[in-house]
Amino acid sequence: MKTTSLKDLYLKELRDLYDAEQQLIKALPKMAEAATSEQLREGFEEHLEQTRGHGTRLERIFEQLQEKPKGEKCKAMEGLVEEGSETIKSDMEGALKDAALIAAAQRVEHYEIAGYGTVRTFATLLGEEEAASLLEETLNEEKATNEKLTDLSETINVEAEEGAATEGERVSSETRRAKAVPRNKSAA
């Protein structure tokens, strides 16, 4: 299909996001299984349920537009999922593996935040108010997931560092956190 209008681009981007969500529905259970932190495992499981809901919302939007959701392969998500798979297969263990899983998951969240922000804006410009509202809801959930991952990383990253340090190099968690660079809740 040739892209000649904002509506064509909107549909193309929606299909890309739909495929991305379908890929995540397959990847998240593997990430949950690989996590050693119970909180991280539960976070991945919770996000799996949200992701299913994101797919359902996109299906509603396609139905309203009288379009099919299939047709675009999200190559970016394919690459991000592959990176996550490499992390799962790696020889890292414990908190270090969890820190790597969080990093992989946050790259996914940032991609989705960008994608949903874009299509929400397109929907608004095209007068698709109900779709814009559904997309805003998903965007807010993606941002909240990213914040949860950032919060988890504050503990898990310190545990990963402590696990890697030798006894002579250990510094207390409080000292490490005090020295940490302030963050803006968007990255670990």
N, C-alpha and C. Protein backbone atom coordinates (compact mmCIF):
# COMPACT_ATOMS: atom_id res chain seq x y z
N MET A 1 0.84 -1.19 0.00
CA MET A 1 0.00 0.00 0.00
C MET A 1 0.88 1.24 0.00
N LYS A 2 0.60 2.14 -0.89
CA LYS A 2 1.35 3.37 -1.00
C LYS A 2 0.90 4.34 0.10
N THR A 3 1.87 5.00 0.72
CA THR A 3 1.58 5.95 1.79
C THR A 3 1.56 7.35 1.18
N THR A 4 0.34 7.92 1.07
CA THR A 4 0.21 9.23 0.42
C THR A 4 -0.46 10.27 1.31
N SER A 5 -0.89 9.87 2.50
CA SER A 5 -1.58 10.81 3.38
C SER A 5 -1.24 10.50 4.84
N LEU A 6 -1.60 11.42 5.71
CA LEU A 6 -1.38 11.20 7.14
C LEU A 6 -2.18 9.98 7.62
N LYS A 7 -3.37 9.79 7.06
CA LYS A 7 -4.16 8.63 7.45
C LYS A 7 -3.46 7.34 7.05
N ASP A 8 -2.86 7.30 5.86
CA ASP A 8 -2.10 6.12 5.44
C ASP A 8 -0.94 5.86 6.40
N LEU A 9 -0.24 6.92 6.77
CA LEU A 9 0.88 6.79 7.70
C LEU A 9 0.40 6.33 9.07
N TYR A 10 -0.72 6.88 9.50
CA TYR A 10 -1.34 6.49 10.78
C TYR A 10 -1.63 4.99 10.78
N LEU A 11 -2.25 4.48 9.73
CA LEU A 11 -2.55 3.05 9.63
C LEU A 11 -1.28 2.21 9.63
N LYS A 12 -0.28 2.67 8.90
CA LYS A 12 1.00 1.97 8.83
C LYS A 12 1.63 1.88 10.23
N GLU A 13 1.62 2.98 10.95
CA GLU A 13 2.20 3.02 12.30
C GLU A 13 1.39 2.17 13.29
N LEU A 14 0.07 2.20 13.15
CA LEU A 14 -0.78 1.35 14.01
C LEU A 14 -0.47 -0.13 13.77
N ARG A 15 -0.31 -0.51 12.51
CA ARG A 15 0.00 -1.91 12.19
C ARG A 15 1.36 -2.31 12.74
N ASP A 16 2.31 -1.39 12.67
CA ASP A 16 3.64 -1.63 13.22
C ASP A 16 3.53 -1.88 14.73
N LEU A 17 2.77 -1.04 15.43
CA LEU A 17 2.60 -1.21 16.87
C LEU A 17 1.86 -2.50 17.20
N TYR A 18 0.88 -2.84 16.39
CA TYR A 18 0.14 -4.08 16.63
C TYR A 18 1.07 -5.28 16.53
N ASP A 19 1.91 -5.30 15.51
CA ASP A 19 2.86 -6.40 15.37
C ASP A 19 3.85 -6.39 16.55
N ALA A 20 4.28 -5.20 16.96
CA ALA A 20 5.20 -5.09 18.10
C ALA A 20 4.57 -5.71 19.34
N GLU A 21 3.31 -5.41 19.58
CA GLU A 21 2.62 -5.96 20.76
C GLU A 21 2.52 -7.48 20.66
N GLN A 22 2.24 -8.00 19.48
CA GLN A 22 2.15 -9.45 19.31
C GLN A 22 3.49 -10.12 19.59
N GLN A 23 4.58 -9.49 19.15
CA GLN A 23 5.91 -10.02 19.44
C GLN A 23 6.18 -10.02 20.95
N LEU A 24 5.76 -8.96 21.62
CA LEU A 24 5.98 -8.86 23.07
C LEU A 24 5.17 -9.90 23.84
N ILE A 25 3.98 -10.20 23.36
CA ILE A 25 3.16 -11.21 24.02
C ILE A 25 3.89 -12.55 24.04
N LYS A 26 4.69 -12.81 23.02
CA LYS A 26 5.48 -14.04 22.98
C LYS A 26 6.77 -13.93 23.80
N ALA A 27 7.35 -12.74 23.88
CA ALA A 27 8.65 -12.56 24.53
C ALA A 27 8.55 -12.38 26.05
N LEU A 28 7.53 -11.73 26.53
CA LEU A 28 7.45 -11.42 27.97
C LEU A 28 7.45 -12.65 28.87
N PRO A 29 6.77 -13.74 28.52
CA PRO A 29 6.84 -14.92 29.40
C PRO A 29 8.28 -15.45 29.55
N LYS A 30 9.06 -15.36 28.48
CA LYS A 30 10.45 -15.81 28.53
C LYS A 30 11.28 -14.90 29.43
N MET A 31 11.01 -13.61 29.37
CA MET A 31 11.73 -12.67 30.23
C MET A 31 11.35 -12.90 31.69
N ALA A 32 10.07 -13.14 31.94
CA ALA A 32 9.63 -13.41 33.31
C ALA A 32 10.30 -14.66 33.85
N GLU A 33 10.38 -15.69 33.04
CA GLU A 33 11.01 -16.94 33.46
C GLU A 33 12.49 -16.76 33.76
N ALA A 34 13.16 -15.88 33.01
CA ALA A 34 14.60 -15.66 33.18
C ALA A 34 14.93 -14.78 34.39
N ALA A 35 13.96 -13.99 34.85
CA ALA A 35 14.20 -13.07 35.97
C ALA A 35 14.43 -13.85 37.26
N THR A 36 15.40 -13.40 38.05
CA THR A 36 15.62 -14.03 39.35
C THR A 36 14.94 -13.25 40.47
N SER A 37 14.73 -11.96 40.26
CA SER A 37 14.02 -11.13 41.23
C SER A 37 12.52 -11.41 41.11
N GLU A 38 11.91 -11.71 42.24
CA GLU A 38 10.47 -11.97 42.24
C GLU A 38 9.70 -10.74 41.79
N GLN A 39 10.15 -9.56 42.21
CA GLN A 39 9.47 -8.32 41.81
C GLN A 39 9.56 -8.11 40.31
N LEU A 40 10.73 -8.39 39.74
CA LEU A 40 10.89 -8.23 38.30
C LEU A 40 10.04 -9.25 37.55
N ARG A 41 10.03 -10.48 38.02
CA ARG A 41 9.20 -11.51 37.39
C ARG A 41 7.74 -11.09 37.41
N GLU A 42 7.26 -10.65 38.56
CA GLU A 42 5.87 -10.21 38.66
C GLU A 42 5.59 -9.01 37.76
N GLY A 43 6.58 -8.10 37.65
CA GLY A 43 6.42 -6.94 36.77
C GLY A 43 6.26 -7.35 35.32
N PHE A 44 7.08 -8.32 34.88
CA PHE A 44 6.96 -8.81 33.50
C PHE A 44 5.61 -9.50 33.29
N GLU A 45 5.16 -10.27 34.28
CA GLU A 45 3.86 -10.95 34.16
C GLU A 45 2.71 -9.95 34.11
N GLU A 46 2.81 -8.91 34.94
CA GLU A 46 1.78 -7.86 34.94
C GLU A 46 1.77 -7.13 33.59
N HIS A 47 2.97 -6.85 33.07
CA HIS A 47 3.04 -6.14 31.80
C HIS A 47 2.55 -7.01 30.64
N LEU A 48 2.70 -8.32 30.76
CA LEU A 48 2.15 -9.22 29.75
C LEU A 48 0.63 -9.03 29.65
N GLU A 49 -0.03 -8.97 30.79
CA GLU A 49 -1.49 -8.76 30.77
C GLU A 49 -1.83 -7.40 30.17
N GLN A 50 -1.06 -6.38 30.53
CA GLN A 50 -1.29 -5.05 29.94
C GLN A 50 -1.08 -5.09 28.43
N THR A 51 -0.05 -5.79 28.00
CA THR A 51 0.28 -5.87 26.58
C THR A 51 -0.85 -6.52 25.80
N ARG A 52 -1.43 -7.55 26.36
CA ARG A 52 -2.61 -8.15 25.72
C ARG A 52 -3.72 -7.12 25.57
N GLY A 53 -3.91 -6.30 26.60
CA GLY A 53 -4.90 -5.23 26.53
C GLY A 53 -4.56 -4.19 25.48
N HIS A 54 -3.26 -3.92 25.32
CA HIS A 54 -2.84 -2.96 24.29
C HIS A 54 -3.22 -3.49 22.90
N GLY A 55 -2.99 -4.77 22.69
CA GLY A 55 -3.38 -5.39 21.42
C GLY A 55 -4.87 -5.30 21.19
N THR A 56 -5.66 -5.54 22.23
CA THR A 56 -7.11 -5.46 22.13
C THR A 56 -7.56 -4.04 21.80
N ARG A 57 -6.94 -3.05 22.43
CA ARG A 57 -7.28 -1.65 22.11
C ARG A 57 -6.98 -1.34 20.65
N LEU A 58 -5.83 -1.80 20.17
CA LEU A 58 -5.49 -1.56 18.77
C LEU A 58 -6.50 -2.24 17.84
N GLU A 59 -6.94 -3.44 18.20
CA GLU A 59 -7.96 -4.13 17.40
C GLU A 59 -9.25 -3.32 17.35
N ARG A 60 -9.62 -2.69 18.47
CA ARG A 60 -10.82 -1.84 18.48
C ARG A 60 -10.66 -0.67 17.53
N ILE A 61 -9.48 -0.07 17.54
CA ILE A 61 -9.23 1.06 16.65
C ILE A 61 -9.32 0.62 15.19
N PHE A 62 -8.72 -0.52 14.87
CA PHE A 62 -8.80 -1.02 13.48
C PHE A 62 -10.25 -1.30 13.09
N GLU A 63 -11.00 -1.84 14.02
CA GLU A 63 -12.41 -2.13 13.75
C GLU A 63 -13.16 -0.83 13.45
N GLN A 64 -12.92 0.21 14.25
CA GLN A 64 -13.57 1.50 14.02
C GLN A 64 -13.19 2.08 12.65
N LEU A 65 -11.95 1.83 12.24
CA LEU A 65 -11.48 2.33 10.94
C LEU A 65 -11.84 1.40 9.78
N GLN A 66 -12.46 0.27 10.11
CA GLN A 66 -12.81 -0.76 9.13
C GLN A 66 -11.57 -1.21 8.35
N GLU A 67 -10.50 -1.45 9.11
CA GLU A 67 -9.23 -1.89 8.57
C GLU A 67 -8.78 -3.16 9.29
N LYS A 68 -7.85 -3.86 8.69
CA LYS A 68 -7.27 -5.05 9.32
C LYS A 68 -5.97 -4.66 10.03
N PRO A 69 -5.71 -5.29 11.18
CA PRO A 69 -4.50 -4.94 11.93
C PRO A 69 -3.21 -5.53 11.35
N LYS A 70 -3.33 -6.52 10.53
CA LYS A 70 -2.14 -7.19 9.98
C LYS A 70 -1.56 -6.41 8.81
N GLY A 71 -0.30 -6.70 8.50
CA GLY A 71 0.28 -6.12 7.31
C GLY A 71 1.65 -5.50 7.47
N GLU A 72 2.01 -5.10 8.67
CA GLU A 72 3.32 -4.50 8.90
C GLU A 72 4.12 -5.38 9.84
N LYS A 73 5.37 -5.60 9.53
CA LYS A 73 6.28 -6.32 10.42
C LYS A 73 7.10 -5.26 11.14
N CYS A 74 7.08 -5.28 12.46
CA CYS A 74 7.85 -4.32 13.24
C CYS A 74 9.28 -4.84 13.38
N LYS A 75 10.13 -4.39 12.48
CA LYS A 75 11.52 -4.84 12.48
C LYS A 75 12.27 -4.30 13.70
N ALA A 76 11.91 -3.13 14.17
CA ALA A 76 12.56 -2.58 15.35
C ALA A 76 12.30 -3.46 16.57
N MET A 77 11.04 -3.85 16.75
CA MET A 77 10.72 -4.71 17.90
C MET A 77 11.37 -6.07 17.73
N GLU A 78 11.42 -6.55 16.51
CA GLU A 78 12.08 -7.82 16.25
C GLU A 78 13.53 -7.78 16.75
N GLY A 79 14.21 -6.67 16.47
CA GLY A 79 15.58 -6.50 16.93
C GLY A 79 15.67 -6.38 18.44
N LEU A 80 14.76 -5.62 19.04
CA LEU A 80 14.76 -5.47 20.50
C LEU A 80 14.47 -6.79 21.20
N VAL A 81 13.55 -7.57 20.66
CA VAL A 81 13.23 -8.88 21.23
C VAL A 81 14.43 -9.82 21.09
N GLU A 82 15.11 -9.74 19.96
CA GLU A 82 16.30 -10.57 19.76
C GLU A 82 17.38 -10.22 20.79
N GLU A 83 17.58 -8.94 21.05
CA GLU A 83 18.54 -8.53 22.07
C GLU A 83 18.14 -9.08 23.44
N GLY A 84 16.86 -9.04 23.74
CA GLY A 84 16.37 -9.61 24.99
C GLY A 84 16.63 -11.11 25.06
N SER A 85 16.44 -11.79 23.94
CA SER A 85 16.70 -13.24 23.89
C SER A 85 18.17 -13.54 24.13
N GLU A 86 19.04 -12.71 23.58
CA GLU A 86 20.48 -12.89 23.81
C GLU A 86 20.81 -12.72 25.29
N THR A 87 20.15 -11.78 25.94
CA THR A 87 20.35 -11.58 27.38
C THR A 87 19.90 -12.81 28.15
N ILE A 88 18.75 -13.35 27.78
CA ILE A 88 18.22 -14.55 28.45
C ILE A 88 19.20 -15.71 28.31
N LYS A 89 19.79 -15.86 27.12
CA LYS A 89 20.69 -16.98 26.86
C LYS A 89 22.10 -16.75 27.41
N SER A 90 22.41 -15.55 27.84
CA SER A 90 23.76 -15.21 28.29
C SER A 90 24.14 -16.00 29.54
N ASP A 91 25.42 -15.94 29.87
CA ASP A 91 25.90 -16.64 31.06
C ASP A 91 25.81 -15.78 32.32
N MET A 92 25.17 -14.62 32.23
CA MET A 92 24.98 -13.78 33.42
C MET A 92 24.04 -14.48 34.39
N GLU A 93 24.20 -14.16 35.67
CA GLU A 93 23.36 -14.77 36.68
C GLU A 93 22.85 -13.72 37.66
N GLY A 94 21.82 -14.10 38.40
CA GLY A 94 21.33 -13.30 39.51
C GLY A 94 20.97 -11.88 39.15
N ALA A 95 21.38 -10.97 40.04
CA ALA A 95 21.04 -9.55 39.88
C ALA A 95 21.64 -8.96 38.61
N LEU A 96 22.80 -9.47 38.19
CA LEU A 96 23.41 -8.96 36.96
C LEU A 96 22.52 -9.26 35.75
N LYS A 97 21.99 -10.48 35.70
CA LYS A 97 21.07 -10.82 34.60
C LYS A 97 19.80 -9.97 34.70
N ASP A 98 19.30 -9.79 35.92
CA ASP A 98 18.11 -8.97 36.09
C ASP A 98 18.35 -7.54 35.62
N ALA A 99 19.54 -6.99 35.92
CA ALA A 99 19.88 -5.63 35.48
C ALA A 99 19.88 -5.57 33.95
N ALA A 100 20.41 -6.61 33.31
CA ALA A 100 20.43 -6.66 31.84
C ALA A 100 19.01 -6.80 31.28
N LEU A 101 18.17 -7.58 31.94
CA LEU A 101 16.78 -7.73 31.50
C LEU A 101 16.03 -6.41 31.61
N ILE A 102 16.29 -5.67 32.68
CA ILE A 102 15.66 -4.36 32.84
C ILE A 102 16.11 -3.43 31.72
N ALA A 103 17.40 -3.44 31.40
CA ALA A 103 17.91 -2.59 30.33
C ALA A 103 17.21 -2.92 29.00
N ALA A 104 17.08 -4.20 28.73
CA ALA A 104 16.41 -4.63 27.49
C ALA A 104 14.94 -4.20 27.50
N ALA A 105 14.29 -4.37 28.64
CA ALA A 105 12.87 -4.02 28.74
C ALA A 105 12.66 -2.51 28.61
N GLN A 106 13.59 -1.73 29.15
CA GLN A 106 13.41 -0.28 29.04
C GLN A 106 13.62 0.20 27.60
N ARG A 107 14.49 -0.45 26.86
CA ARG A 107 14.62 -0.08 25.44
C ARG A 107 13.28 -0.33 24.73
N VAL A 108 12.64 -1.44 25.04
CA VAL A 108 11.32 -1.75 24.47
C VAL A 108 10.32 -0.67 24.86
N GLU A 109 10.29 -0.32 26.15
CA GLU A 109 9.32 0.68 26.63
C GLU A 109 9.54 2.03 25.94
N HIS A 110 10.79 2.42 25.76
CA HIS A 110 11.06 3.70 25.12
C HIS A 110 10.60 3.69 23.67
N TYR A 111 10.79 2.57 22.99
CA TYR A 111 10.30 2.43 21.62
C TYR A 111 8.78 2.57 21.59
N GLU A 112 8.11 1.88 22.51
CA GLU A 112 6.64 1.94 22.54
C GLU A 112 6.14 3.33 22.92
N ILE A 113 6.80 3.98 23.85
CA ILE A 113 6.39 5.33 24.24
C ILE A 113 6.46 6.26 23.02
N ALA A 114 7.53 6.16 22.27
CA ALA A 114 7.65 6.98 21.05
C ALA A 114 6.55 6.64 20.05
N GLY A 115 6.30 5.36 19.84
CA GLY A 115 5.30 4.94 18.87
C GLY A 115 3.89 5.35 19.26
N TYR A 116 3.54 5.13 20.52
CA TYR A 116 2.18 5.48 20.95
C TYR A 116 1.98 6.99 21.01
N GLY A 117 3.02 7.73 21.37
CA GLY A 117 2.90 9.19 21.35
C GLY A 117 2.64 9.70 19.94
N THR A 118 3.31 9.10 18.98
CA THR A 118 3.15 9.50 17.58
C THR A 118 1.74 9.20 17.07
N VAL A 119 1.27 7.96 17.26
CA VAL A 119 -0.05 7.62 16.72
C VAL A 119 -1.17 8.33 17.46
N ARG A 120 -0.97 8.63 18.74
CA ARG A 120 -1.97 9.40 19.48
C ARG A 120 -2.11 10.78 18.86
N THR A 121 -0.98 11.39 18.51
CA THR A 121 -1.00 12.72 17.88
C THR A 121 -1.66 12.64 16.50
N PHE A 122 -1.31 11.62 15.73
CA PHE A 122 -1.95 11.44 14.41
C PHE A 122 -3.46 11.29 14.57
N ALA A 123 -3.90 10.47 15.53
CA ALA A 123 -5.33 10.25 15.74
C ALA A 123 -6.03 11.57 16.07
N THR A 124 -5.41 12.36 16.92
CA THR A 124 -5.99 13.66 17.29
C THR A 124 -6.12 14.55 16.05
N LEU A 125 -5.06 14.62 15.26
CA LEU A 125 -5.09 15.46 14.05
C LEU A 125 -6.13 14.98 13.04
N LEU A 126 -6.37 13.67 13.00
CA LEU A 126 -7.33 13.10 12.06
C LEU A 126 -8.76 13.10 12.61
N GLY A 127 -8.95 13.66 13.81
CA GLY A 127 -10.28 13.73 14.40
C GLY A 127 -10.77 12.40 14.96
N GLU A 128 -9.87 11.48 15.19
CA GLU A 128 -10.21 10.16 15.74
C GLU A 128 -10.10 10.23 17.27
N GLU A 129 -11.05 10.91 17.89
CA GLU A 129 -10.96 11.21 19.32
C GLU A 129 -11.00 9.96 20.20
N GLU A 130 -11.87 9.00 19.87
CA GLU A 130 -11.94 7.78 20.67
C GLU A 130 -10.63 7.01 20.58
N ALA A 131 -10.09 6.92 19.38
CA ALA A 131 -8.80 6.25 19.18
C ALA A 131 -7.70 6.99 19.94
N ALA A 132 -7.71 8.32 19.87
CA ALA A 132 -6.70 9.11 20.59
C ALA A 132 -6.76 8.83 22.09
N SER A 133 -7.97 8.69 22.60
CA SER A 133 -8.14 8.40 24.03
C SER A 133 -7.59 7.00 24.38
N LEU A 134 -7.89 6.02 23.54
CA LEU A 134 -7.38 4.66 23.77
C LEU A 134 -5.86 4.63 23.68
N LEU A 135 -5.31 5.35 22.72
CA LEU A 135 -3.87 5.39 22.54
C LEU A 135 -3.19 6.12 23.70
N GLU A 136 -3.84 7.16 24.21
CA GLU A 136 -3.32 7.89 25.38
C GLU A 136 -3.28 6.97 26.60
N GLU A 137 -4.32 6.15 26.76
CA GLU A 137 -4.36 5.21 27.87
C GLU A 137 -3.17 4.23 27.80
N THR A 138 -2.93 3.71 26.62
CA THR A 138 -1.80 2.80 26.44
C THR A 138 -0.48 3.53 26.67
N LEU A 139 -0.35 4.73 26.14
CA LEU A 139 0.87 5.52 26.33
C LEU A 139 1.15 5.71 27.82
N ASN A 140 0.13 6.04 28.59
CA ASN A 140 0.32 6.24 30.03
C ASN A 140 0.74 4.94 30.72
N GLU A 141 0.21 3.81 30.29
CA GLU A 141 0.62 2.53 30.87
C GLU A 141 2.08 2.22 30.53
N GLU A 142 2.49 2.53 29.31
CA GLU A 142 3.88 2.28 28.91
C GLU A 142 4.83 3.15 29.74
N LYS A 143 4.45 4.40 29.96
CA LYS A 143 5.27 5.29 30.78
C LYS A 143 5.35 4.79 32.22
N ALA A 144 4.23 4.31 32.75
CA ALA A 144 4.21 3.79 34.12
C ALA A 144 5.09 2.54 34.24
N THR A 145 5.05 1.68 33.23
CA THR A 145 5.91 0.48 33.23
C THR A 145 7.37 0.88 33.23
N ASN A 146 7.71 1.87 32.42
CA ASN A 146 9.09 2.34 32.37
C ASN A 146 9.53 2.86 33.75
N GLU A 147 8.66 3.60 34.42
CA GLU A 147 8.98 4.11 35.75
C GLU A 147 9.17 2.98 36.75
N LYS A 148 8.32 1.96 36.67
CA LYS A 148 8.47 0.80 37.57
C LYS A 148 9.81 0.11 37.34
N LEU A 149 10.19 -0.02 36.07
CA LEU A 149 11.48 -0.64 35.75
C LEU A 149 12.63 0.20 36.31
N THR A 150 12.50 1.51 36.18
CA THR A 150 13.53 2.40 36.73
C THR A 150 13.62 2.23 38.24
N ASP A 151 12.49 2.20 38.91
CA ASP A 151 12.48 2.01 40.36
C ASP A 151 13.13 0.68 40.75
N LEU A 152 12.79 -0.38 40.06
CA LEU A 152 13.40 -1.69 40.33
C LEU A 152 14.90 -1.66 40.09
N SER A 153 15.31 -0.95 39.06
CA SER A 153 16.73 -0.91 38.72
C SER A 153 17.56 -0.27 39.82
N GLU A 154 16.98 0.64 40.58
CA GLU A 154 17.72 1.29 41.65
C GLU A 154 18.22 0.28 42.68
N THR A 155 17.46 -0.75 42.93
CA THR A 155 17.87 -1.79 43.86
C THR A 155 18.68 -2.87 43.15
N ILE A 156 18.19 -3.32 42.03
CA ILE A 156 18.83 -4.44 41.32
C ILE A 156 20.20 -4.07 40.80
N ASN A 157 20.37 -2.86 40.28
CA ASN A 157 21.68 -2.45 39.78
C ASN A 157 22.71 -2.42 40.91
N VAL A 158 22.31 -1.96 42.09
CA VAL A 158 23.22 -1.95 43.24
C VAL A 158 23.57 -3.38 43.63
N GLU A 159 22.57 -4.26 43.64
CA GLU A 159 22.84 -5.67 43.95
C GLU A 159 23.80 -6.28 42.93
N ALA A 160 23.63 -5.93 41.66
CA ALA A 160 24.51 -6.45 40.61
C ALA A 160 25.94 -5.95 40.83
N GLU A 161 26.08 -4.69 41.19
CA GLU A 161 27.41 -4.13 41.45
C GLU A 161 28.04 -4.78 42.68
N GLU A 162 27.26 -4.94 43.72
CA GLU A 162 27.78 -5.55 44.94
C GLU A 162 28.19 -7.00 44.70
N GLY A 163 27.43 -7.69 43.87
CA GLY A 163 27.76 -9.07 43.55
C GLY A 163 29.03 -9.19 42.75
N ALA A 164 29.37 -8.16 41.99
CA ALA A 164 30.56 -8.19 41.15
C ALA A 164 31.80 -7.70 41.90
N ALA A 165 31.60 -6.94 42.95
CA ALA A 165 32.74 -6.38 43.67
C ALA A 165 33.39 -7.43 44.56
N THR A 166 34.67 -7.33 44.72
CA THR A 166 35.36 -8.21 45.67
C THR A 166 35.19 -7.62 47.06
N GLU A 167 35.47 -8.40 48.09
CA GLU A 167 35.28 -7.94 49.46
C GLU A 167 36.01 -6.62 49.71
N GLY A 168 37.20 -6.44 49.20
CA GLY A 168 37.97 -5.22 49.42
C GLY A 168 37.39 -4.01 48.70
N GLU A 169 36.58 -4.24 47.69
CA GLU A 169 36.01 -3.14 46.91
C GLU A 169 34.61 -2.76 47.36
N ARG A 170 34.03 -3.51 48.27
CA ARG A 170 32.64 -3.26 48.64
C ARG A 170 32.46 -1.89 49.29
N VAL A 171 31.39 -1.24 48.87
CA VAL A 171 30.97 0.01 49.47
C VAL A 171 29.51 -0.20 49.82
N SER A 172 29.06 0.38 50.90
CA SER A 172 27.67 0.14 51.32
C SER A 172 26.69 0.62 50.27
N SER A 173 25.53 0.01 50.26
CA SER A 173 24.48 0.39 49.32
C SER A 173 24.10 1.85 49.49
N GLU A 174 24.06 2.31 50.75
CA GLU A 174 23.68 3.70 51.01
C GLU A 174 24.70 4.66 50.40
N THR A 175 25.98 4.34 50.54
CA THR A 175 27.02 5.19 49.97
C THR A 175 26.91 5.21 48.46
N ARG A 176 26.69 4.03 47.87
CA ARG A 176 26.58 3.93 46.42
C ARG A 176 25.39 4.74 45.91
N ARG A 177 24.28 4.61 46.61
CA ARG A 177 23.09 5.36 46.18
C ARG A 177 23.30 6.85 46.34
N ALA A 178 23.97 7.26 47.39
CA ALA A 178 24.23 8.69 47.63
C ALA A 178 25.11 9.26 46.53
N LYS A 179 26.01 8.46 46.00
CA LYS A 179 26.91 8.92 44.94
C LYS A 179 26.25 8.86 43.56
N ALA A 180 25.14 8.16 43.46
CA ALA A 180 24.49 7.97 42.16
C ALA A 180 24.06 9.31 41.58
N VAL A 181 24.12 9.39 40.27
CA VAL A 181 23.70 10.60 39.57
C VAL A 181 22.18 10.72 39.68
N PRO A 182 21.67 11.91 39.99
CA PRO A 182 20.20 12.06 40.06
C PRO A 182 19.58 11.68 38.72
N ARG A 183 18.38 11.13 38.77
CA ARG A 183 17.71 10.69 37.55
C ARG A 183 16.40 11.42 37.38
N ASN A 184 15.85 11.29 36.20
CA ASN A 184 14.60 11.99 35.88
C ASN A 184 13.45 11.02 35.67
N LYS A 185 13.55 9.81 36.18
CA LYS A 185 12.51 8.79 36.10
C LYS A 185 12.29 8.23 34.70
N SER A 186 13.17 8.54 33.74
CA SER A 186 12.95 8.00 32.41
C SER A 186 14.00 6.98 32.01
N ALA A 187 15.02 6.82 32.82
CA ALA A 187 16.05 5.85 32.48
C ALA A 187 16.68 5.32 33.75
N ALA A 188 17.17 4.10 33.67
CA ALA A 188 17.79 3.49 34.84
C ALA A 188 19.18 4.02 35.04
